[in-house]
Amino acid sequence: MAPEDLEQLTQQIRDQLEESIIEKVTRQLMLSFSQMQSQFHLQMQSQGLALPPEPEVGPLAACVSTKESCVDPSRNASDTSDLDKCRLYIEENPPPLVALERVYEGSTTVHNIPLLHDQVKVGVEEVRDADAPIPVPTEEVKLVGQTLNTFLA
């Protein structure tokens, strides 16, 4: 193997490894934060202290999988009690509509990752802009077009 090819292969492996490590660390941090937040809320309630209301809006973190690890969201609509349609916009000026989704209010995890207090589980039902980037890409999914019939947070 030529030295240039070996160097290029080495760099590709480094990039993939770095991306994988970042994804795993991010998931672990999200889990730890969620657990600490729950403990904090319980401690505040046990001391009779009121918490300020949660903000209505906040950043969304996308957790998606294309490895058949979830049921097709369009097939289990009758199993979910509180369903609402919503629209996904990305941060541009003006913000374009990139997908139509269904909200699964009662869910607490997406792909075995706990949802944070300002997150909800959504199923992508219709893609409007397949080339738009998702807010937090993963190794498997980077574009809205790759999210059809899967779940995001």
N, C-alpha and C. Protein backbone atom coordinates (compact mmCIF):
# COMPACT_ATOMS: atom_id res chain seq x y z
N MET A 1 0.85 -1.18 0.00
CA MET A 1 0.00 0.00 0.00
C MET A 1 0.90 1.24 0.00
N ALA A 2 0.55 2.19 -0.83
CA ALA A 2 1.32 3.41 -0.95
C ALA A 2 1.19 4.23 0.33
N PRO A 3 2.24 4.97 0.70
CA PRO A 3 2.19 5.78 1.93
C PRO A 3 1.03 6.77 1.95
N GLU A 4 0.68 7.35 0.79
CA GLU A 4 -0.44 8.31 0.75
C GLU A 4 -1.76 7.61 1.07
N ASP A 5 -1.93 6.39 0.52
CA ASP A 5 -3.15 5.63 0.77
C ASP A 5 -3.24 5.22 2.23
N LEU A 6 -2.12 4.81 2.79
CA LEU A 6 -2.09 4.42 4.19
C LEU A 6 -2.42 5.61 5.09
N GLU A 7 -1.90 6.77 4.75
CA GLU A 7 -2.18 7.98 5.54
C GLU A 7 -3.65 8.35 5.45
N GLN A 8 -4.22 8.25 4.25
CA GLN A 8 -5.63 8.57 4.06
C GLN A 8 -6.51 7.59 4.83
N LEU A 9 -6.19 6.31 4.78
CA LEU A 9 -6.94 5.30 5.51
C LEU A 9 -6.86 5.53 7.01
N THR A 10 -5.67 5.85 7.49
CA THR A 10 -5.46 6.14 8.91
C THR A 10 -6.32 7.32 9.34
N GLN A 11 -6.36 8.36 8.53
CA GLN A 11 -7.16 9.56 8.86
C GLN A 11 -8.65 9.23 8.89
N GLN A 12 -9.11 8.41 7.94
CA GLN A 12 -10.52 8.01 7.92
C GLN A 12 -10.88 7.23 9.18
N ILE A 13 -10.00 6.33 9.58
CA ILE A 13 -10.24 5.55 10.80
C ILE A 13 -10.27 6.47 12.02
N ARG A 14 -9.35 7.43 12.09
CA ARG A 14 -9.33 8.39 13.21
C ARG A 14 -10.63 9.19 13.25
N ASP A 15 -11.08 9.66 12.08
CA ASP A 15 -12.30 10.45 12.02
C ASP A 15 -13.51 9.65 12.48
N GLN A 16 -13.62 8.41 12.02
CA GLN A 16 -14.74 7.56 12.42
C GLN A 16 -14.69 7.26 13.91
N LEU A 17 -13.51 6.99 14.43
CA LEU A 17 -13.36 6.71 15.85
C LEU A 17 -13.72 7.93 16.69
N GLU A 18 -13.26 9.09 16.27
CA GLU A 18 -13.57 10.33 16.99
C GLU A 18 -15.08 10.58 17.00
N GLU A 19 -15.73 10.40 15.86
CA GLU A 19 -17.17 10.62 15.77
C GLU A 19 -17.92 9.64 16.68
N SER A 20 -17.49 8.39 16.68
CA SER A 20 -18.12 7.38 17.53
C SER A 20 -17.94 7.71 19.01
N ILE A 21 -16.75 8.13 19.39
CA ILE A 21 -16.49 8.49 20.80
C ILE A 21 -17.33 9.69 21.21
N ILE A 22 -17.40 10.69 20.35
CA ILE A 22 -18.19 11.88 20.66
C ILE A 22 -19.65 11.51 20.85
N GLU A 23 -20.17 10.66 19.98
CA GLU A 23 -21.57 10.24 20.08
C GLU A 23 -21.83 9.50 21.39
N LYS A 24 -20.94 8.58 21.76
CA LYS A 24 -21.12 7.81 23.00
C LYS A 24 -21.00 8.70 24.23
N VAL A 25 -20.05 9.61 24.24
CA VAL A 25 -19.88 10.52 25.37
C VAL A 25 -21.09 11.44 25.49
N THR A 26 -21.60 11.92 24.37
CA THR A 26 -22.77 12.79 24.40
C THR A 26 -23.96 12.06 24.98
N ARG A 27 -24.18 10.82 24.57
CA ARG A 27 -25.30 10.04 25.11
C ARG A 27 -25.13 9.83 26.61
N GLN A 28 -23.93 9.51 27.06
CA GLN A 28 -23.68 9.29 28.49
C GLN A 28 -23.90 10.58 29.28
N LEU A 29 -23.45 11.70 28.73
CA LEU A 29 -23.66 12.98 29.41
C LEU A 29 -25.15 13.32 29.51
N MET A 30 -25.88 13.06 28.44
CA MET A 30 -27.32 13.32 28.46
C MET A 30 -28.00 12.47 29.52
N LEU A 31 -27.61 11.21 29.62
CA LEU A 31 -28.18 10.32 30.63
C LEU A 31 -27.83 10.82 32.04
N SER A 32 -26.57 11.16 32.26
CA SER A 32 -26.14 11.65 33.58
C SER A 32 -26.87 12.93 33.95
N PHE A 33 -27.00 13.85 33.01
CA PHE A 33 -27.69 15.10 33.27
C PHE A 33 -29.14 14.85 33.63
N SER A 34 -29.79 13.96 32.89
CA SER A 34 -31.19 13.64 33.16
C SER A 34 -31.36 13.06 34.56
N GLN A 35 -30.45 12.17 34.96
CA GLN A 35 -30.51 11.58 36.29
C GLN A 35 -30.28 12.62 37.38
N MET A 36 -29.31 13.49 37.19
CA MET A 36 -29.04 14.55 38.18
C MET A 36 -30.23 15.50 38.28
N GLN A 37 -30.83 15.80 37.15
CA GLN A 37 -31.97 16.71 37.14
C GLN A 37 -33.15 16.09 37.89
N SER A 38 -33.37 14.81 37.68
CA SER A 38 -34.45 14.12 38.40
C SER A 38 -34.20 14.12 39.90
N GLN A 39 -32.96 13.84 40.30
CA GLN A 39 -32.61 13.86 41.72
C GLN A 39 -32.81 15.25 42.31
N PHE A 40 -32.43 16.28 41.59
CA PHE A 40 -32.59 17.65 42.05
C PHE A 40 -34.07 17.97 42.26
N HIS A 41 -34.91 17.60 41.28
CA HIS A 41 -36.34 17.86 41.39
C HIS A 41 -36.93 17.13 42.61
N LEU A 42 -36.53 15.89 42.81
CA LEU A 42 -37.04 15.14 43.96
C LEU A 42 -36.61 15.78 45.27
N GLN A 43 -35.36 16.23 45.35
CA GLN A 43 -34.86 16.86 46.56
C GLN A 43 -35.59 18.17 46.83
N MET A 44 -35.82 18.95 45.78
CA MET A 44 -36.54 20.21 45.96
C MET A 44 -37.97 19.95 46.44
N GLN A 45 -38.62 18.95 45.87
CA GLN A 45 -39.99 18.63 46.27
C GLN A 45 -40.03 18.12 47.70
N SER A 46 -39.04 17.30 48.09
CA SER A 46 -39.03 16.77 49.46
C SER A 46 -38.83 17.86 50.49
N GLN A 47 -38.21 18.98 50.11
CA GLN A 47 -38.01 20.10 51.01
C GLN A 47 -39.14 21.13 50.91
N GLY A 48 -40.14 20.83 50.07
CA GLY A 48 -41.29 21.72 49.94
C GLY A 48 -40.99 22.98 49.16
N LEU A 49 -39.96 22.98 48.36
CA LEU A 49 -39.61 24.15 47.56
C LEU A 49 -40.23 24.06 46.18
N ALA A 50 -40.73 25.17 45.68
CA ALA A 50 -41.34 25.21 44.36
C ALA A 50 -40.26 25.43 43.30
N LEU A 51 -40.43 24.78 42.20
CA LEU A 51 -39.51 24.96 41.08
C LEU A 51 -40.11 25.94 40.09
N PRO A 52 -39.28 26.73 39.41
CA PRO A 52 -39.82 27.63 38.38
C PRO A 52 -40.40 26.81 37.24
N PRO A 53 -41.36 27.36 36.51
CA PRO A 53 -41.95 26.62 35.39
C PRO A 53 -40.89 26.35 34.31
N GLU A 54 -41.05 25.23 33.64
CA GLU A 54 -40.12 24.87 32.58
C GLU A 54 -40.37 25.76 31.36
N PRO A 55 -39.33 26.13 30.62
CA PRO A 55 -39.55 26.93 29.43
C PRO A 55 -40.30 26.12 28.38
N GLU A 56 -41.08 26.81 27.56
CA GLU A 56 -41.87 26.14 26.53
C GLU A 56 -41.02 25.73 25.34
N VAL A 57 -39.92 26.42 25.10
CA VAL A 57 -39.07 26.10 23.96
C VAL A 57 -37.67 25.83 24.43
N GLY A 58 -36.93 25.10 23.64
CA GLY A 58 -35.54 24.81 23.98
C GLY A 58 -34.90 24.03 22.86
N PRO A 59 -33.61 23.80 22.94
CA PRO A 59 -32.94 23.07 21.89
C PRO A 59 -33.40 21.62 21.87
N LEU A 60 -33.50 21.08 20.68
CA LEU A 60 -33.87 19.69 20.54
C LEU A 60 -32.64 18.89 20.14
N ALA A 61 -32.47 17.76 20.73
CA ALA A 61 -31.38 16.88 20.35
C ALA A 61 -31.98 15.71 19.60
N ALA A 62 -31.45 15.43 18.45
CA ALA A 62 -31.97 14.35 17.64
C ALA A 62 -31.30 13.04 18.00
N CYS A 63 -32.09 12.05 18.29
CA CYS A 63 -31.59 10.71 18.54
C CYS A 63 -32.30 9.81 17.58
N VAL A 64 -31.63 9.36 16.58
CA VAL A 64 -32.28 8.56 15.56
C VAL A 64 -31.49 7.30 15.30
N SER A 65 -32.16 6.33 14.73
CA SER A 65 -31.50 5.08 14.39
C SER A 65 -32.11 4.53 13.12
N THR A 66 -31.29 3.95 12.28
CA THR A 66 -31.78 3.28 11.09
C THR A 66 -31.47 1.80 11.17
N LYS A 67 -31.16 1.29 12.35
CA LYS A 67 -30.78 -0.10 12.53
C LYS A 67 -31.95 -0.97 12.98
N GLU A 68 -33.18 -0.61 12.55
CA GLU A 68 -34.37 -1.38 12.87
C GLU A 68 -34.57 -1.54 14.36
N SER A 69 -34.11 -0.57 15.18
CA SER A 69 -34.23 -0.69 16.62
C SER A 69 -35.52 -0.10 17.15
N CYS A 70 -36.37 0.36 16.26
CA CYS A 70 -37.65 0.89 16.72
C CYS A 70 -38.75 0.44 15.78
N VAL A 71 -39.96 0.50 16.29
CA VAL A 71 -41.12 0.17 15.49
C VAL A 71 -41.42 1.36 14.60
N ASP A 72 -41.89 1.11 13.42
CA ASP A 72 -42.29 2.16 12.50
C ASP A 72 -43.33 3.03 13.18
N PRO A 73 -43.05 4.33 13.41
CA PRO A 73 -43.98 5.17 14.15
C PRO A 73 -45.36 5.27 13.52
N SER A 74 -45.47 5.11 12.22
CA SER A 74 -46.77 5.22 11.58
C SER A 74 -47.64 4.01 11.87
N ARG A 75 -47.07 2.91 12.31
CA ARG A 75 -47.83 1.70 12.57
C ARG A 75 -48.34 1.60 14.00
N ASN A 76 -47.76 2.32 14.95
CA ASN A 76 -48.19 2.16 16.34
C ASN A 76 -48.96 3.35 16.85
N ALA A 77 -49.59 4.11 15.97
CA ALA A 77 -50.33 5.29 16.40
C ALA A 77 -51.49 4.94 17.32
N SER A 78 -52.12 3.80 17.12
CA SER A 78 -53.26 3.46 17.97
C SER A 78 -52.82 3.06 19.37
N ASP A 79 -51.53 2.71 19.56
CA ASP A 79 -51.04 2.32 20.87
C ASP A 79 -50.65 3.51 21.73
N THR A 80 -50.60 4.69 21.17
CA THR A 80 -50.13 5.87 21.88
C THR A 80 -51.33 6.75 22.20
N SER A 81 -51.41 7.21 23.46
CA SER A 81 -52.61 7.92 23.88
C SER A 81 -52.66 9.37 23.39
N ASP A 82 -51.62 10.15 23.58
CA ASP A 82 -51.64 11.56 23.23
C ASP A 82 -50.83 11.81 21.97
N LEU A 83 -51.51 11.87 20.84
CA LEU A 83 -50.81 12.11 19.58
C LEU A 83 -51.15 13.50 19.07
N ASP A 84 -50.14 14.23 18.68
CA ASP A 84 -50.32 15.54 18.07
C ASP A 84 -49.37 15.66 16.91
N LYS A 85 -49.82 16.28 15.85
CA LYS A 85 -48.92 16.54 14.73
C LYS A 85 -48.13 17.80 15.03
N CYS A 86 -46.90 17.84 14.56
CA CYS A 86 -46.09 19.04 14.72
C CYS A 86 -45.25 19.23 13.47
N ARG A 87 -44.61 20.36 13.38
CA ARG A 87 -43.77 20.69 12.23
C ARG A 87 -42.35 20.92 12.70
N LEU A 88 -41.40 20.44 11.92
CA LEU A 88 -39.99 20.63 12.24
C LEU A 88 -39.41 21.70 11.33
N TYR A 89 -38.88 22.75 11.95
CA TYR A 89 -38.20 23.82 11.23
C TYR A 89 -36.73 23.79 11.63
N ILE A 90 -35.86 24.23 10.75
CA ILE A 90 -34.46 24.35 11.12
C ILE A 90 -34.12 25.83 11.24
N GLU A 91 -33.05 26.10 11.99
CA GLU A 91 -32.69 27.48 12.27
C GLU A 91 -31.99 28.12 11.09
N GLU A 92 -32.79 28.82 10.30
CA GLU A 92 -32.32 29.65 9.20
C GLU A 92 -33.20 30.88 9.19
N ASN A 93 -32.90 31.83 8.38
CA ASN A 93 -33.71 33.03 8.32
C ASN A 93 -34.24 33.21 6.91
N PRO A 94 -35.51 33.01 6.65
CA PRO A 94 -36.55 32.53 7.55
C PRO A 94 -36.44 31.02 7.75
N PRO A 95 -36.97 30.50 8.87
CA PRO A 95 -36.85 29.07 9.14
C PRO A 95 -37.73 28.25 8.18
N PRO A 96 -37.14 27.34 7.41
CA PRO A 96 -37.93 26.52 6.49
C PRO A 96 -38.53 25.30 7.19
N LEU A 97 -39.72 24.91 6.74
CA LEU A 97 -40.36 23.69 7.21
C LEU A 97 -39.67 22.51 6.52
N VAL A 98 -39.13 21.57 7.30
CA VAL A 98 -38.38 20.47 6.71
C VAL A 98 -39.05 19.11 6.89
N ALA A 99 -39.99 18.98 7.86
CA ALA A 99 -40.67 17.70 8.07
C ALA A 99 -41.94 17.88 8.88
N LEU A 100 -42.85 16.92 8.71
CA LEU A 100 -44.05 16.83 9.54
C LEU A 100 -43.86 15.62 10.44
N GLU A 101 -44.22 15.79 11.71
CA GLU A 101 -43.96 14.76 12.70
C GLU A 101 -45.20 14.52 13.56
N ARG A 102 -45.16 13.44 14.31
CA ARG A 102 -46.21 13.14 15.29
C ARG A 102 -45.54 13.06 16.66
N VAL A 103 -46.12 13.74 17.64
CA VAL A 103 -45.57 13.79 18.99
C VAL A 103 -46.11 12.62 19.81
N TYR A 104 -45.23 11.94 20.55
CA TYR A 104 -45.59 10.85 21.44
C TYR A 104 -45.33 11.32 22.87
N GLU A 105 -46.33 12.01 23.44
CA GLU A 105 -46.19 12.70 24.73
C GLU A 105 -45.77 11.82 25.90
N GLY A 106 -46.25 10.59 25.98
CA GLY A 106 -45.99 9.76 27.15
C GLY A 106 -44.64 9.09 27.17
N SER A 107 -43.87 9.19 26.12
CA SER A 107 -42.60 8.48 26.04
C SER A 107 -41.52 9.16 26.89
N THR A 108 -40.64 8.35 27.47
CA THR A 108 -39.55 8.88 28.28
C THR A 108 -38.17 8.58 27.70
N THR A 109 -38.11 7.75 26.64
CA THR A 109 -36.84 7.43 26.00
C THR A 109 -37.00 7.39 24.49
N VAL A 110 -35.88 7.58 23.80
CA VAL A 110 -35.78 7.36 22.36
C VAL A 110 -34.54 6.51 22.15
N HIS A 111 -34.72 5.32 21.61
CA HIS A 111 -33.62 4.39 21.38
C HIS A 111 -32.81 4.15 22.65
N ASN A 112 -33.55 3.93 23.75
CA ASN A 112 -32.98 3.63 25.07
C ASN A 112 -32.19 4.79 25.68
N ILE A 113 -32.37 5.99 25.18
CA ILE A 113 -31.73 7.17 25.75
C ILE A 113 -32.82 8.02 26.39
N PRO A 114 -32.69 8.33 27.69
CA PRO A 114 -33.72 9.12 28.37
C PRO A 114 -33.88 10.50 27.75
N LEU A 115 -35.12 10.94 27.67
CA LEU A 115 -35.41 12.29 27.18
C LEU A 115 -35.17 13.30 28.30
N LEU A 116 -34.68 14.46 27.95
CA LEU A 116 -34.53 15.55 28.91
C LEU A 116 -35.88 16.20 29.13
N HIS A 117 -35.99 17.05 30.15
CA HIS A 117 -37.28 17.65 30.51
C HIS A 117 -37.88 18.48 29.38
N ASP A 118 -37.07 19.03 28.49
CA ASP A 118 -37.60 19.87 27.41
C ASP A 118 -37.67 19.14 26.08
N GLN A 119 -37.63 17.82 26.11
CA GLN A 119 -37.68 17.03 24.89
C GLN A 119 -38.91 16.14 24.87
N VAL A 120 -39.37 15.84 23.67
CA VAL A 120 -40.46 14.89 23.46
C VAL A 120 -40.07 13.95 22.32
N LYS A 121 -40.67 12.79 22.32
CA LYS A 121 -40.43 11.81 21.26
C LYS A 121 -41.33 12.15 20.08
N VAL A 122 -40.75 12.21 18.89
CA VAL A 122 -41.53 12.47 17.69
C VAL A 122 -41.19 11.42 16.63
N GLY A 123 -42.18 11.11 15.82
CA GLY A 123 -41.98 10.22 14.68
C GLY A 123 -42.11 11.02 13.40
N VAL A 124 -41.12 10.94 12.55
CA VAL A 124 -41.14 11.68 11.29
C VAL A 124 -42.06 10.95 10.32
N GLU A 125 -43.10 11.66 9.87
CA GLU A 125 -44.09 11.05 8.99
C GLU A 125 -43.99 11.54 7.55
N GLU A 126 -43.54 12.77 7.37
CA GLU A 126 -43.44 13.32 6.03
C GLU A 126 -42.22 14.24 5.94
N VAL A 127 -41.40 14.00 4.97
CA VAL A 127 -40.21 14.82 4.76
C VAL A 127 -40.52 15.87 3.70
N ARG A 128 -40.24 17.12 4.03
CA ARG A 128 -40.46 18.21 3.08
C ARG A 128 -39.16 18.65 2.42
N ASP A 129 -38.04 18.55 3.14
CA ASP A 129 -36.73 18.92 2.59
C ASP A 129 -35.73 17.83 2.99
N ALA A 130 -35.54 16.86 2.11
CA ALA A 130 -34.71 15.70 2.41
C ALA A 130 -33.25 16.06 2.64
N ASP A 131 -32.78 17.17 2.06
CA ASP A 131 -31.38 17.54 2.18
C ASP A 131 -31.07 18.44 3.36
N ALA A 132 -32.08 18.80 4.15
CA ALA A 132 -31.86 19.66 5.31
C ALA A 132 -31.14 18.88 6.41
N PRO A 133 -30.20 19.51 7.11
CA PRO A 133 -29.51 18.82 8.20
C PRO A 133 -30.41 18.71 9.43
N ILE A 134 -30.27 17.61 10.19
CA ILE A 134 -31.01 17.51 11.44
C ILE A 134 -30.23 18.28 12.50
N PRO A 135 -30.90 18.73 13.57
CA PRO A 135 -30.23 19.58 14.56
C PRO A 135 -28.98 18.96 15.18
N VAL A 136 -29.03 17.69 15.54
CA VAL A 136 -27.87 17.01 16.12
C VAL A 136 -27.67 15.71 15.35
N PRO A 137 -26.78 15.72 14.37
CA PRO A 137 -26.59 14.52 13.55
C PRO A 137 -25.91 13.40 14.33
N THR A 138 -26.16 12.18 13.90
CA THR A 138 -25.50 11.01 14.47
C THR A 138 -24.65 10.38 13.37
N GLU A 139 -23.95 9.33 13.71
CA GLU A 139 -23.14 8.63 12.72
C GLU A 139 -24.03 8.06 11.62
N GLU A 140 -25.23 7.64 11.97
CA GLU A 140 -26.13 6.99 11.03
C GLU A 140 -27.00 7.97 10.25
N VAL A 141 -27.40 9.07 10.87
CA VAL A 141 -28.36 9.98 10.26
C VAL A 141 -27.87 11.42 10.36
N LYS A 142 -27.81 12.07 9.22
CA LYS A 142 -27.36 13.45 9.18
C LYS A 142 -28.37 14.38 8.51
N LEU A 143 -29.24 13.82 7.66
CA LEU A 143 -30.19 14.62 6.89
C LEU A 143 -31.63 14.23 7.21
N VAL A 144 -32.54 15.18 7.08
CA VAL A 144 -33.95 14.94 7.35
C VAL A 144 -34.48 13.79 6.49
N GLY A 145 -34.00 13.66 5.27
CA GLY A 145 -34.46 12.59 4.39
C GLY A 145 -34.17 11.20 4.92
N GLN A 146 -33.23 11.08 5.85
CA GLN A 146 -32.87 9.80 6.43
C GLN A 146 -33.71 9.47 7.67
N THR A 147 -34.62 10.35 8.07
CA THR A 147 -35.37 10.18 9.32
C THR A 147 -36.78 9.65 9.12
N LEU A 148 -37.24 9.46 7.90
CA LEU A 148 -38.61 9.03 7.65
C LEU A 148 -38.90 7.71 8.36
N ASN A 149 -40.03 7.66 9.06
CA ASN A 149 -40.50 6.48 9.78
C ASN A 149 -39.53 6.01 10.87
N THR A 150 -38.89 6.95 11.53
CA THR A 150 -38.08 6.64 12.69
C THR A 150 -38.40 7.68 13.76
N PHE A 151 -37.75 7.59 14.90
CA PHE A 151 -38.02 8.50 16.00
C PHE A 151 -36.87 9.48 16.21
N LEU A 152 -37.23 10.68 16.66
CA LEU A 152 -36.26 11.71 17.06
C LEU A 152 -36.69 12.22 18.43
N ALA A 153 -35.76 12.91 19.10
CA ALA A 153 -36.10 13.57 20.36
C ALA A 153 -36.06 15.07 20.13
